[in-house]
Amino acid sequence: MSERVVVLSTVGSADDAERIAAALVERRLAACVNVVAGVRSIYRWKGRVETEDERLLVIKTRRDRFEAVKEALLALHPYELPEAIVLTIEAGHAPYLAWLDESVTT
């Protein structure tokens, strides 16, 4: 299993996305966080179907830092139930993966 992962989360505002992304990188919990605008989310919440414009956070980190990333997301996120989904990075450009490892500390 790969040590490198991508964590996905969504947030409603550009300000929240920038604040959370910056905090994760500054704390060395993530090497990089991409903020993808223009995400339209349709989901079920409290028995109703909701539709919202959101931003997707693509958080590049290490598996051993996921719990710390999740804790930070829960503390920083304005949502009652923030998304925190892990996707394994199976392979990648070796120098990029080395940079990711160097950028995230335990």
PDB file of N, CA and C in Angstrom:
ATOM      1  N   MET A   1       0.843  -1.178   0.000  1.00  0.00           N
ATOM      2  CA  MET A   1       0.000   0.000   0.000  1.00  0.00           C
ATOM      3  C   MET A   1       0.893   1.248   0.000  1.00  0.00           C
ATOM      4  N   SER A   2       0.517   2.221  -0.772  1.00  0.00           N
ATOM      5  CA  SER A   2       1.310   3.440  -0.902  1.00  0.00           C
ATOM      6  C   SER A   2       1.240   4.274   0.366  1.00  0.00           C
ATOM      7  N   GLU A   3       2.341   4.940   0.648  1.00  0.00           N
ATOM      8  CA  GLU A   3       2.401   5.858   1.786  1.00  0.00           C
ATOM      9  C   GLU A   3       1.824   7.229   1.445  1.00  0.00           C
ATOM     10  N   ARG A   4       1.680   7.512   0.147  1.00  0.00           N
ATOM     11  CA  ARG A   4       1.172   8.814  -0.269  1.00  0.00           C
ATOM     12  C   ARG A   4      -0.308   8.702  -0.593  1.00  0.00           C
ATOM     13  N   VAL A   5      -1.058   9.744  -0.181  1.00  0.00           N
ATOM     14  CA  VAL A   5      -2.498   9.744  -0.399  1.00  0.00           C
ATOM     15  C   VAL A   5      -2.963  11.138  -0.798  1.00  0.00           C
ATOM     16  N   VAL A   6      -4.161  11.167  -1.360  1.00  0.00           N
ATOM     17  CA  VAL A   6      -4.889  12.402  -1.619  1.00  0.00           C
ATOM     18  C   VAL A   6      -6.116  12.366  -0.726  1.00  0.00           C
ATOM     19  N   VAL A   7      -6.351  13.450  -0.027  1.00  0.00           N
ATOM     20  CA  VAL A   7      -7.547  13.586   0.800  1.00  0.00           C
ATOM     21  C   VAL A   7      -8.443  14.601   0.104  1.00  0.00           C
ATOM     22  N   LEU A   8      -9.705  14.245  -0.067  1.00  0.00           N
ATOM     23  CA  LEU A   8     -10.678  15.152  -0.687  1.00  0.00           C
ATOM     24  C   LEU A   8     -11.597  15.733   0.373  1.00  0.00           C
ATOM     25  N   SER A   9     -11.904  16.999   0.212  1.00  0.00           N
ATOM     26  CA  SER A   9     -12.887  17.661   1.062  1.00  0.00           C
ATOM     27  C   SER A   9     -13.510  18.782   0.237  1.00  0.00           C
ATOM     28  N   THR A  10     -14.709  19.173   0.585  1.00  0.00           N
ATOM     29  CA  THR A  10     -15.359  20.294  -0.089  1.00  0.00           C
ATOM     30  C   THR A  10     -15.679  21.370   0.939  1.00  0.00           C
ATOM     31  N   VAL A  11     -15.756  22.593   0.456  1.00  0.00           N
ATOM     32  CA  VAL A  11     -16.064  23.730   1.311  1.00  0.00           C
ATOM     33  C   VAL A  11     -16.863  24.736   0.487  1.00  0.00           C
ATOM     34  N   GLY A  12     -17.681  25.532   1.150  1.00  0.00           N
ATOM     35  CA  GLY A  12     -18.587  26.422   0.444  1.00  0.00           C
ATOM     36  C   GLY A  12     -17.986  27.706  -0.089  1.00  0.00           C
ATOM     37  N   SER A  13     -17.082  28.324   0.659  1.00  0.00           N
ATOM     38  CA  SER A  13     -16.605  29.647   0.243  1.00  0.00           C
ATOM     39  C   SER A  13     -15.130  29.632  -0.143  1.00  0.00           C
ATOM     40  N   ALA A  14     -14.764  30.587  -0.979  1.00  0.00           N
ATOM     41  CA  ALA A  14     -13.369  30.734  -1.383  1.00  0.00           C
ATOM     42  C   ALA A  14     -12.500  31.091  -0.181  1.00  0.00           C
ATOM     43  N   ASP A  15     -13.010  31.922   0.711  1.00  0.00           N
ATOM     44  CA  ASP A  15     -12.243  32.308   1.897  1.00  0.00           C
ATOM     45  C   ASP A  15     -11.953  31.100   2.777  1.00  0.00           C
ATOM     46  N   ASP A  16     -12.954  30.257   3.007  1.00  0.00           N
ATOM     47  CA  ASP A  16     -12.740  29.053   3.814  1.00  0.00           C
ATOM     48  C   ASP A  16     -11.763  28.109   3.135  1.00  0.00           C
ATOM     49  N   ALA A  17     -11.874  27.969   1.818  1.00  0.00           N
ATOM     50  CA  ALA A  17     -10.966  27.085   1.082  1.00  0.00           C
ATOM     51  C   ALA A  17      -9.523  27.561   1.225  1.00  0.00           C
ATOM     52  N   GLU A  18      -9.287  28.850   1.040  1.00  0.00           N
ATOM     53  CA  GLU A  18      -7.929  29.409   1.155  1.00  0.00           C
ATOM     54  C   GLU A  18      -7.397  29.263   2.578  1.00  0.00           C
ATOM     55  N   ARG A  19      -8.237  29.533   3.560  1.00  0.00           N
ATOM     56  CA  ARG A  19      -7.827  29.465   4.959  1.00  0.00           C
ATOM     57  C   ARG A  19      -7.436  28.044   5.351  1.00  0.00           C
ATOM     58  N   ILE A  20      -8.257  27.075   4.978  1.00  0.00           N
ATOM     59  CA  ILE A  20      -7.985  25.682   5.320  1.00  0.00           C
ATOM     60  C   ILE A  20      -6.754  25.175   4.567  1.00  0.00           C
ATOM     61  N   ALA A  21      -6.668  25.467   3.277  1.00  0.00           N
ATOM     62  CA  ALA A  21      -5.520  25.027   2.476  1.00  0.00           C
ATOM     63  C   ALA A  21      -4.219  25.592   3.037  1.00  0.00           C
ATOM     64  N   ALA A  22      -4.204  26.872   3.335  1.00  0.00           N
ATOM     65  CA  ALA A  22      -2.997  27.505   3.864  1.00  0.00           C
ATOM     66  C   ALA A  22      -2.605  26.895   5.207  1.00  0.00           C
ATOM     67  N   ALA A  23      -3.576  26.655   6.066  1.00  0.00           N
ATOM     68  CA  ALA A  23      -3.278  26.080   7.385  1.00  0.00           C
ATOM     69  C   ALA A  23      -2.673  24.692   7.256  1.00  0.00           C
ATOM     70  N   LEU A  24      -3.207  23.864   6.367  1.00  0.00           N
ATOM     71  CA  LEU A  24      -2.687  22.506   6.202  1.00  0.00           C
ATOM     72  C   LEU A  24      -1.252  22.516   5.687  1.00  0.00           C
ATOM     73  N   VAL A  25      -0.950  23.406   4.755  1.00  0.00           N
ATOM     74  CA  VAL A  25       0.408  23.490   4.212  1.00  0.00           C
ATOM     75  C   VAL A  25       1.352  24.118   5.238  1.00  0.00           C
ATOM     76  N   GLU A  26       0.916  25.188   5.894  1.00  0.00           N
ATOM     77  CA  GLU A  26       1.763  25.837   6.894  1.00  0.00           C
ATOM     78  C   GLU A  26       2.121  24.887   8.036  1.00  0.00           C
ATOM     79  N   ARG A  27       1.192  24.016   8.417  1.00  0.00           N
ATOM     80  CA  ARG A  27       1.430  23.055   9.506  1.00  0.00           C
ATOM     81  C   ARG A  27       2.194  21.816   9.028  1.00  0.00           C
ATOM     82  N   ARG A  28       2.551  21.801   7.752  1.00  0.00           N
ATOM     83  CA  ARG A  28       3.264  20.682   7.119  1.00  0.00           C
ATOM     84  C   ARG A  28       2.473  19.374   7.197  1.00  0.00           C
ATOM     85  N   LEU A  29       1.152  19.502   7.207  1.00  0.00           N
ATOM     86  CA  LEU A  29       0.275  18.334   7.145  1.00  0.00           C
ATOM     87  C   LEU A  29       0.031  17.933   5.697  1.00  0.00           C
ATOM     88  N   ALA A  30       0.211  18.874   4.786  1.00  0.00           N
ATOM     89  CA  ALA A  30       0.024  18.634   3.357  1.00  0.00           C
ATOM     90  C   ALA A  30       1.162  19.299   2.603  1.00  0.00           C
ATOM     91  N   ALA A  31       1.601  18.639   1.530  1.00  0.00           N
ATOM     92  CA  ALA A  31       2.618  19.237   0.665  1.00  0.00           C
ATOM     93  C   ALA A  31       1.989  20.309  -0.212  1.00  0.00           C
ATOM     94  N   CYS A  32       0.749  20.064  -0.610  1.00  0.00           N
ATOM     95  CA  CYS A  32       0.047  20.950  -1.540  1.00  0.00           C
ATOM     96  C   CYS A  32      -1.449  20.721  -1.366  1.00  0.00           C
ATOM     97  N   VAL A  33      -2.208  21.787  -1.515  1.00  0.00           N
ATOM     98  CA  VAL A  33      -3.667  21.679  -1.553  1.00  0.00           C
ATOM     99  C   VAL A  33      -4.144  22.446  -2.774  1.00  0.00           C
ATOM    100  N   ASN A  34      -4.771  21.737  -3.696  1.00  0.00           N
ATOM    101  CA  ASN A  34      -5.386  22.396  -4.844  1.00  0.00           C
ATOM    102  C   ASN A  34      -6.793  22.800  -4.453  1.00  0.00           C
ATOM    103  N   VAL A  35      -7.169  24.021  -4.776  1.00  0.00           N
ATOM    104  CA  VAL A  35      -8.534  24.506  -4.562  1.00  0.00           C
ATOM    105  C   VAL A  35      -9.185  24.580  -5.933  1.00  0.00           C
ATOM    106  N   VAL A  36     -10.165  23.721  -6.152  1.00  0.00           N
ATOM    107  CA  VAL A  36     -10.842  23.634  -7.444  1.00  0.00           C
ATOM    108  C   VAL A  36     -12.213  24.292  -7.310  1.00  0.00           C
ATOM    109  N   ALA A  37     -12.367  25.433  -7.959  1.00  0.00           N
ATOM    110  CA  ALA A  37     -13.641  26.157  -7.930  1.00  0.00           C
ATOM    111  C   ALA A  37     -14.597  25.560  -8.958  1.00  0.00           C
ATOM    112  N   GLY A  38     -15.858  25.917  -8.843  1.00  0.00           N
ATOM    113  CA  GLY A  38     -16.842  25.514  -9.841  1.00  0.00           C
ATOM    114  C   GLY A  38     -17.417  24.129  -9.635  1.00  0.00           C
ATOM    115  N   VAL A  39     -17.305  23.597  -8.420  1.00  0.00           N
ATOM    116  CA  VAL A  39     -17.868  22.280  -8.129  1.00  0.00           C
ATOM    117  C   VAL A  39     -19.327  22.467  -7.725  1.00  0.00           C
ATOM    118  N   ARG A  40     -20.194  21.719  -8.352  1.00  0.00           N
ATOM    119  CA  ARG A  40     -21.625  21.744  -8.015  1.00  0.00           C
ATOM    120  C   ARG A  40     -21.930  20.429  -7.323  1.00  0.00           C
ATOM    121  N   SER A  41     -22.330  20.480  -6.059  1.00  0.00           N
ATOM    122  CA  SER A  41     -22.601  19.271  -5.279  1.00  0.00           C
ATOM    123  C   SER A  41     -24.098  19.098  -5.083  1.00  0.00           C
ATOM    124  N   ILE A  42     -24.553  17.897  -5.348  1.00  0.00           N
ATOM    125  CA  ILE A  42     -25.945  17.502  -5.109  1.00  0.00           C
ATOM    126  C   ILE A  42     -25.886  16.338  -4.146  1.00  0.00           C
ATOM    127  N   TYR A  43     -26.519  16.482  -2.993  1.00  0.00           N
ATOM    128  CA  TYR A  43     -26.357  15.494  -1.936  1.00  0.00           C
ATOM    129  C   TYR A  43     -27.613  15.439  -1.061  1.00  0.00           C
ATOM    130  N   ARG A  44     -27.719  14.366  -0.315  1.00  0.00           N
ATOM    131  CA  ARG A  44     -28.819  14.207   0.629  1.00  0.00           C
ATOM    132  C   ARG A  44     -28.330  14.649   2.000  1.00  0.00           C
ATOM    133  N   TRP A  45     -29.097  15.533   2.649  1.00  0.00           N
ATOM    134  CA  TRP A  45     -28.734  16.020   3.976  1.00  0.00           C
ATOM    135  C   TRP A  45     -29.997  16.213   4.801  1.00  0.00           C
ATOM    136  N   LYS A  46     -30.059  15.499   5.912  1.00  0.00           N
ATOM    137  CA  LYS A  46     -31.182  15.593   6.843  1.00  0.00           C
ATOM    138  C   LYS A  46     -32.511  15.372   6.130  1.00  0.00           C
ATOM    139  N   GLY A  47     -32.528  14.339   5.270  1.00  0.00           N
ATOM    140  CA  GLY A  47     -33.758  13.930   4.606  1.00  0.00           C
ATOM    141  C   GLY A  47     -34.137  14.714   3.368  1.00  0.00           C
ATOM    142  N   ARG A  48     -33.325  15.663   2.973  1.00  0.00           N
ATOM    143  CA  ARG A  48     -33.637  16.479   1.789  1.00  0.00           C
ATOM    144  C   ARG A  48     -32.497  16.412   0.793  1.00  0.00           C
ATOM    145  N   VAL A  49     -32.823  16.607  -0.475  1.00  0.00           N
ATOM    146  CA  VAL A  49     -31.800  16.712  -1.505  1.00  0.00           C
ATOM    147  C   VAL A  49     -31.416  18.181  -1.621  1.00  0.00           C
ATOM    148  N   GLU A  50     -30.128  18.448  -1.456  1.00  0.00           N
ATOM    149  CA  GLU A  50     -29.593  19.807  -1.474  1.00  0.00           C
ATOM    150  C   GLU A  50     -28.679  19.986  -2.689  1.00  0.00           C
ATOM    151  N   THR A  51     -28.553  21.214  -3.138  1.00  0.00           N
ATOM    152  CA  THR A  51     -27.638  21.558  -4.222  1.00  0.00           C
ATOM    153  C   THR A  51     -26.864  22.803  -3.801  1.00  0.00           C
ATOM    154  N   GLU A  52     -25.534  22.722  -3.888  1.00  0.00           N
ATOM    155  CA  GLU A  52     -24.684  23.836  -3.468  1.00  0.00           C
ATOM    156  C   GLU A  52     -23.502  23.991  -4.420  1.00  0.00           C
ATOM    157  N   ASP A  53     -23.050  25.219  -4.579  1.00  0.00           N
ATOM    158  CA  ASP A  53     -21.781  25.487  -5.253  1.00  0.00           C
ATOM    159  C   ASP A  53     -20.690  25.402  -4.193  1.00  0.00           C
ATOM    160  N   GLU A  54     -19.656  24.624  -4.493  1.00  0.00           N
ATOM    161  CA  GLU A  54     -18.584  24.416  -3.526  1.00  0.00           C
ATOM    162  C   GLU A  54     -17.223  24.508  -4.202  1.00  0.00           C
ATOM    163  N   ARG A  55     -16.190  24.399  -3.401  1.00  0.00           N
ATOM    164  CA  ARG A  55     -14.819  24.273  -3.862  1.00  0.00           C
ATOM    165  C   ARG A  55     -14.309  22.935  -3.365  1.00  0.00           C
ATOM    166  N   LEU A  56     -13.571  22.241  -4.215  1.00  0.00           N
ATOM    167  CA  LEU A  56     -12.996  20.959  -3.862  1.00  0.00           C
ATOM    168  C   LEU A  56     -11.562  21.171  -3.407  1.00  0.00           C
ATOM    169  N   LEU A  57     -11.224  20.650  -2.239  1.00  0.00           N
ATOM    170  CA  LEU A  57      -9.852  20.670  -1.748  1.00  0.00           C
ATOM    171  C   LEU A  57      -9.220  19.324  -2.079  1.00  0.00           C
ATOM    172  N   VAL A  58      -8.124  19.356  -2.837  1.00  0.00           N
ATOM    173  CA  VAL A  58      -7.367  18.153  -3.190  1.00  0.00           C
ATOM    174  C   VAL A  58      -6.073  18.245  -2.389  1.00  0.00           C
ATOM    175  N   ILE A  59      -6.011  17.480  -1.325  1.00  0.00           N
ATOM    176  CA  ILE A  59      -4.947  17.589  -0.329  1.00  0.00           C
ATOM    177  C   ILE A  59      -3.952  16.452  -0.533  1.00  0.00           C
ATOM    178  N   LYS A  60      -2.700  16.788  -0.884  1.00  0.00           N
ATOM    179  CA  LYS A  60      -1.666  15.774  -1.074  1.00  0.00           C
ATOM    180  C   LYS A  60      -0.868  15.626   0.214  1.00  0.00           C
ATOM    181  N   THR A  61      -0.844  14.395   0.758  1.00  0.00           N
ATOM    182  CA  THR A  61      -0.194  14.154   2.030  1.00  0.00           C
ATOM    183  C   THR A  61       0.283  12.714   2.103  1.00  0.00           C
ATOM    184  N   ARG A  62       0.662  12.308   3.287  1.00  0.00           N
ATOM    185  CA  ARG A  62       1.101  10.934   3.541  1.00  0.00           C
ATOM    186  C   ARG A  62       0.050  10.217   4.393  1.00  0.00           C
ATOM    187  N   ARG A  63      -0.058   8.932   4.197  1.00  0.00           N
ATOM    188  CA  ARG A  63      -1.042   8.136   4.931  1.00  0.00           C
ATOM    189  C   ARG A  63      -0.882   8.300   6.443  1.00  0.00           C
ATOM    190  N   ASP A  64       0.369   8.351   6.915  1.00  0.00           N
ATOM    191  CA  ASP A  64       0.594   8.453   8.354  1.00  0.00           C
ATOM    192  C   ASP A  64       0.210   9.816   8.924  1.00  0.00           C
ATOM    193  N   ARG A  65      -0.129  10.771   8.075  1.00  0.00           N
ATOM    194  CA  ARG A  65      -0.571  12.100   8.526  1.00  0.00           C
ATOM    195  C   ARG A  65      -2.072  12.295   8.385  1.00  0.00           C
ATOM    196  N   PHE A  66      -2.782  11.263   7.889  1.00  0.00           N
ATOM    197  CA  PHE A  66      -4.211  11.437   7.654  1.00  0.00           C
ATOM    198  C   PHE A  66      -4.974  11.824   8.922  1.00  0.00           C
ATOM    199  N   GLU A  67      -4.709  11.162  10.030  1.00  0.00           N
ATOM    200  CA  GLU A  67      -5.461  11.479  11.256  1.00  0.00           C
ATOM    201  C   GLU A  67      -5.257  12.938  11.652  1.00  0.00           C
ATOM    202  N   ALA A  68      -4.040  13.444  11.526  1.00  0.00           N
ATOM    203  CA  ALA A  68      -3.771  14.850  11.847  1.00  0.00           C
ATOM    204  C   ALA A  68      -4.462  15.781  10.848  1.00  0.00           C
ATOM    205  N   VAL A  69      -4.469  15.399   9.568  1.00  0.00           N
ATOM    206  CA  VAL A  69      -5.186  16.186   8.556  1.00  0.00           C
ATOM    207  C   VAL A  69      -6.672  16.205   8.884  1.00  0.00           C
ATOM    208  N   LYS A  70      -7.224  15.050   9.210  1.00  0.00           N
ATOM    209  CA  LYS A  70      -8.646  14.967   9.536  1.00  0.00           C
ATOM    210  C   LYS A  70      -8.981  15.819  10.761  1.00  0.00           C
ATOM    211  N   GLU A  71      -8.159  15.749  11.792  1.00  0.00           N
ATOM    212  CA  GLU A  71      -8.390  16.560  12.992  1.00  0.00           C
ATOM    213  C   GLU A  71      -8.361  18.050  12.655  1.00  0.00           C
ATOM    214  N   ALA A  72      -7.399  18.462  11.824  1.00  0.00           N
ATOM    215  CA  ALA A  72      -7.318  19.866  11.424  1.00  0.00           C
ATOM    216  C   ALA A  72      -8.541  20.269  10.610  1.00  0.00           C
ATOM    217  N   LEU A  73      -8.957  19.410   9.685  1.00  0.00           N
ATOM    218  CA  LEU A  73     -10.162  19.707   8.900  1.00  0.00           C
ATOM    219  C   LEU A  73     -11.375  19.888   9.814  1.00  0.00           C
ATOM    220  N   LEU A  74     -11.539  18.995  10.767  1.00  0.00           N
ATOM    221  CA  LEU A  74     -12.683  19.085  11.677  1.00  0.00           C
ATOM    222  C   LEU A  74     -12.642  20.363  12.500  1.00  0.00           C
ATOM    223  N   ALA A  75     -11.450  20.787  12.901  1.00  0.00           N
ATOM    224  CA  ALA A  75     -11.319  22.004  13.697  1.00  0.00           C
ATOM    225  C   ALA A  75     -11.501  23.275  12.869  1.00  0.00           C
ATOM    226  N   LEU A  76     -11.043  23.261  11.624  1.00  0.00           N
ATOM    227  CA  LEU A  76     -11.045  24.460  10.787  1.00  0.00           C
ATOM    228  C   LEU A  76     -12.286  24.619   9.924  1.00  0.00           C
ATOM    229  N   HIS A  77     -12.982  23.531   9.675  1.00  0.00           N
ATOM    230  CA  HIS A  77     -14.063  23.496   8.686  1.00  0.00           C
ATOM    231  C   HIS A  77     -15.361  24.060   9.251  1.00  0.00           C
ATOM    232  N   PRO A  78     -16.074  24.850   8.456  1.00  0.00           N
ATOM    233  CA  PRO A  78     -17.345  25.405   8.940  1.00  0.00           C
ATOM    234  C   PRO A  78     -18.521  24.420   8.874  1.00  0.00           C
ATOM    235  N   TYR A  79     -18.388  23.326   8.125  1.00  0.00           N
ATOM    236  CA  TYR A  79     -19.499  22.391   7.976  1.00  0.00           C
ATOM    237  C   TYR A  79     -19.690  21.549   9.232  1.00  0.00           C
ATOM    238  N   GLU A  80     -20.921  21.179   9.476  1.00  0.00           N
ATOM    239  CA  GLU A  80     -21.248  20.269  10.571  1.00  0.00           C
ATOM    240  C   GLU A  80     -20.621  18.898  10.350  1.00  0.00           C
ATOM    241  N   LEU A  81     -20.575  18.471   9.097  1.00  0.00           N
ATOM    242  CA  LEU A  81     -20.039  17.151   8.744  1.00  0.00           C
ATOM    243  C   LEU A  81     -19.097  17.288   7.549  1.00  0.00           C
ATOM    244  N   PRO A  82     -17.840  17.678   7.787  1.00  0.00           N
ATOM    245  CA  PRO A  82     -16.902  17.843   6.675  1.00  0.00           C
ATOM    246  C   PRO A  82     -16.542  16.513   6.026  1.00  0.00           C
ATOM    247  N   GLU A  83     -16.334  16.573   4.722  1.00  0.00           N
ATOM    248  CA  GLU A  83     -15.851  15.418   3.965  1.00  0.00           C
ATOM    249  C   GLU A  83     -14.359  15.252   4.215  1.00  0.00           C
ATOM    250  N   ALA A  84     -13.930  14.013   4.393  1.00  0.00           N
ATOM    251  CA  ALA A  84     -12.500  13.683   4.482  1.00  0.00           C
ATOM    252  C   ALA A  84     -12.352  12.263   3.950  1.00  0.00           C
ATOM    253  N   ILE A  85     -12.090  12.161   2.654  1.00  0.00           N
ATOM    254  CA  ILE A  85     -12.003  10.870   1.971  1.00  0.00           C
ATOM    255  C   ILE A  85     -10.577  10.689   1.471  1.00  0.00           C
ATOM    256  N   VAL A  86     -10.011   9.516   1.719  1.00  0.00           N
ATOM    257  CA  VAL A  86      -8.631   9.224   1.324  1.00  0.00           C
ATOM    258  C   VAL A  86      -8.612   8.386   0.053  1.00  0.00           C
ATOM    259  N   LEU A  87      -7.793   8.827  -0.911  1.00  0.00           N
ATOM    260  CA  LEU A  87      -7.529   8.065  -2.126  1.00  0.00           C
ATOM    261  C   LEU A  87      -6.037   7.764  -2.170  1.00  0.00           C
ATOM    262  N   THR A  88      -5.686   6.521  -2.413  1.00  0.00           N
ATOM    263  CA  THR A  88      -4.286   6.121  -2.452  1.00  0.00           C
ATOM    264  C   THR A  88      -3.644   6.548  -3.768  1.00  0.00           C
ATOM    265  N   ILE A  89      -2.440   7.075  -3.677  1.00  0.00           N
ATOM    266  CA  ILE A  89      -1.634   7.372  -4.855  1.00  0.00           C
ATOM    267  C   ILE A  89      -0.848   6.101  -5.157  1.00  0.00           C
ATOM    268  N   GLU A  90      -1.199   5.412  -6.210  1.00  0.00           N
ATOM    269  CA  GLU A  90      -0.570   4.134  -6.545  1.00  0.00           C
ATOM    270  C   GLU A  90       0.807   4.301  -7.158  1.00  0.00           C
ATOM    271  N   ALA A  91       1.003   5.359  -7.910  1.00  0.00           N
ATOM    272  CA  ALA A  91       2.278   5.606  -8.573  1.00  0.00           C
ATOM    273  C   ALA A  91       2.349   7.091  -8.918  1.00  0.00           C
ATOM    274  N   GLY A  92       3.553   7.543  -9.244  1.00  0.00           N
ATOM    275  CA  GLY A  92       3.710   8.937  -9.622  1.00  0.00           C
ATOM    276  C   GLY A  92       5.138   9.223 -10.032  1.00  0.00           C
ATOM    277  N   HIS A  93       5.374  10.432 -10.454  1.00  0.00           N
ATOM    278  CA  HIS A  93       6.701  10.900 -10.854  1.00  0.00           C
ATOM    279  C   HIS A  93       7.579  10.907  -9.604  1.00  0.00           C
ATOM    280  N   ALA A  94       8.639  10.110  -9.594  1.00  0.00           N
ATOM    281  CA  ALA A  94       9.466   9.900  -8.403  1.00  0.00           C
ATOM    282  C   ALA A  94       9.957  11.197  -7.761  1.00  0.00           C
ATOM    283  N   PRO A  95      10.457  12.171  -8.523  1.00  0.00           N
ATOM    284  CA  PRO A  95      10.883  13.420  -7.878  1.00  0.00           C
ATOM    285  C   PRO A  95       9.727  14.159  -7.198  1.00  0.00           C
ATOM    286  N   TYR A  96       8.534  14.112  -7.796  1.00  0.00           N
ATOM    287  CA  TYR A  96       7.368  14.748  -7.169  1.00  0.00           C
ATOM    288  C   TYR A  96       7.023  14.046  -5.863  1.00  0.00           C
ATOM    289  N   LEU A  97       7.022  12.724  -5.868  1.00  0.00           N
ATOM    290  CA  LEU A  97       6.706  11.969  -4.658  1.00  0.00           C
ATOM    291  C   LEU A  97       7.742  12.217  -3.568  1.00  0.00           C
ATOM    292  N   ALA A  98       9.008  12.356  -3.953  1.00  0.00           N
ATOM    293  CA  ALA A  98      10.051  12.672  -2.977  1.00  0.00           C
ATOM    294  C   ALA A  98       9.808  14.057  -2.377  1.00  0.00           C
ATOM    295  N   TRP A  99       9.427  15.021  -3.221  1.00  0.00           N
ATOM    296  CA  TRP A  99       9.100  16.369  -2.728  1.00  0.00           C
ATOM    297  C   TRP A  99       7.926  16.308  -1.763  1.00  0.00           C
ATOM    298  N   LEU A 100       6.906  15.526  -2.089  1.00  0.00           N
ATOM    299  CA  LEU A 100       5.754  15.375  -1.201  1.00  0.00           C
ATOM    300  C   LEU A 100       6.232  14.862   0.161  1.00  0.00           C
ATOM    301  N   ASP A 101       7.051  13.816   0.151  1.00  0.00           N
ATOM    302  CA  ASP A 101       7.560  13.252   1.405  1.00  0.00           C
ATOM    303  C   ASP A 101       8.341  14.289   2.217  1.00  0.00           C
ATOM    304  N   GLU A 102       9.176  15.080   1.557  1.00  0.00           N
ATOM    305  CA  GLU A 102       9.993  16.082   2.227  1.00  0.00           C
ATOM    306  C   GLU A 102       9.143  17.231   2.791  1.00  0.00           C
ATOM    307  N   SER A 103       8.020  17.496   2.169  1.00  0.00           N
ATOM    308  CA  SER A 103       7.182  18.626   2.536  1.00  0.00           C
ATOM    309  C   SER A 103       6.238  18.348   3.694  1.00  0.00           C
ATOM    310  N   VAL A 104       5.979  17.073   3.957  1.00  0.00           N
ATOM    311  CA  VAL A 104       5.059  16.674   5.027  1.00  0.00           C
ATOM    312  C   VAL A 104       5.882  16.082   6.159  1.00  0.00           C
ATOM    313  N   THR A 105       5.707  16.621   7.368  1.00  0.00           N
ATOM    314  CA  THR A 105       6.475  16.103   8.495  1.00  0.00           C
ATOM    315  C   THR A 105       5.562  15.368   9.466  1.00  0.00           C
ATOM    316  N   THR A 106       6.168  14.490  10.222  1.00  0.00           N
ATOM    317  CA  THR A 106       5.413  13.719  11.227  1.00  0.00           C
ATOM    318  C   THR A 106       5.628  14.290  12.605  1.00  0.00           C
TER     319      THR A 106
END
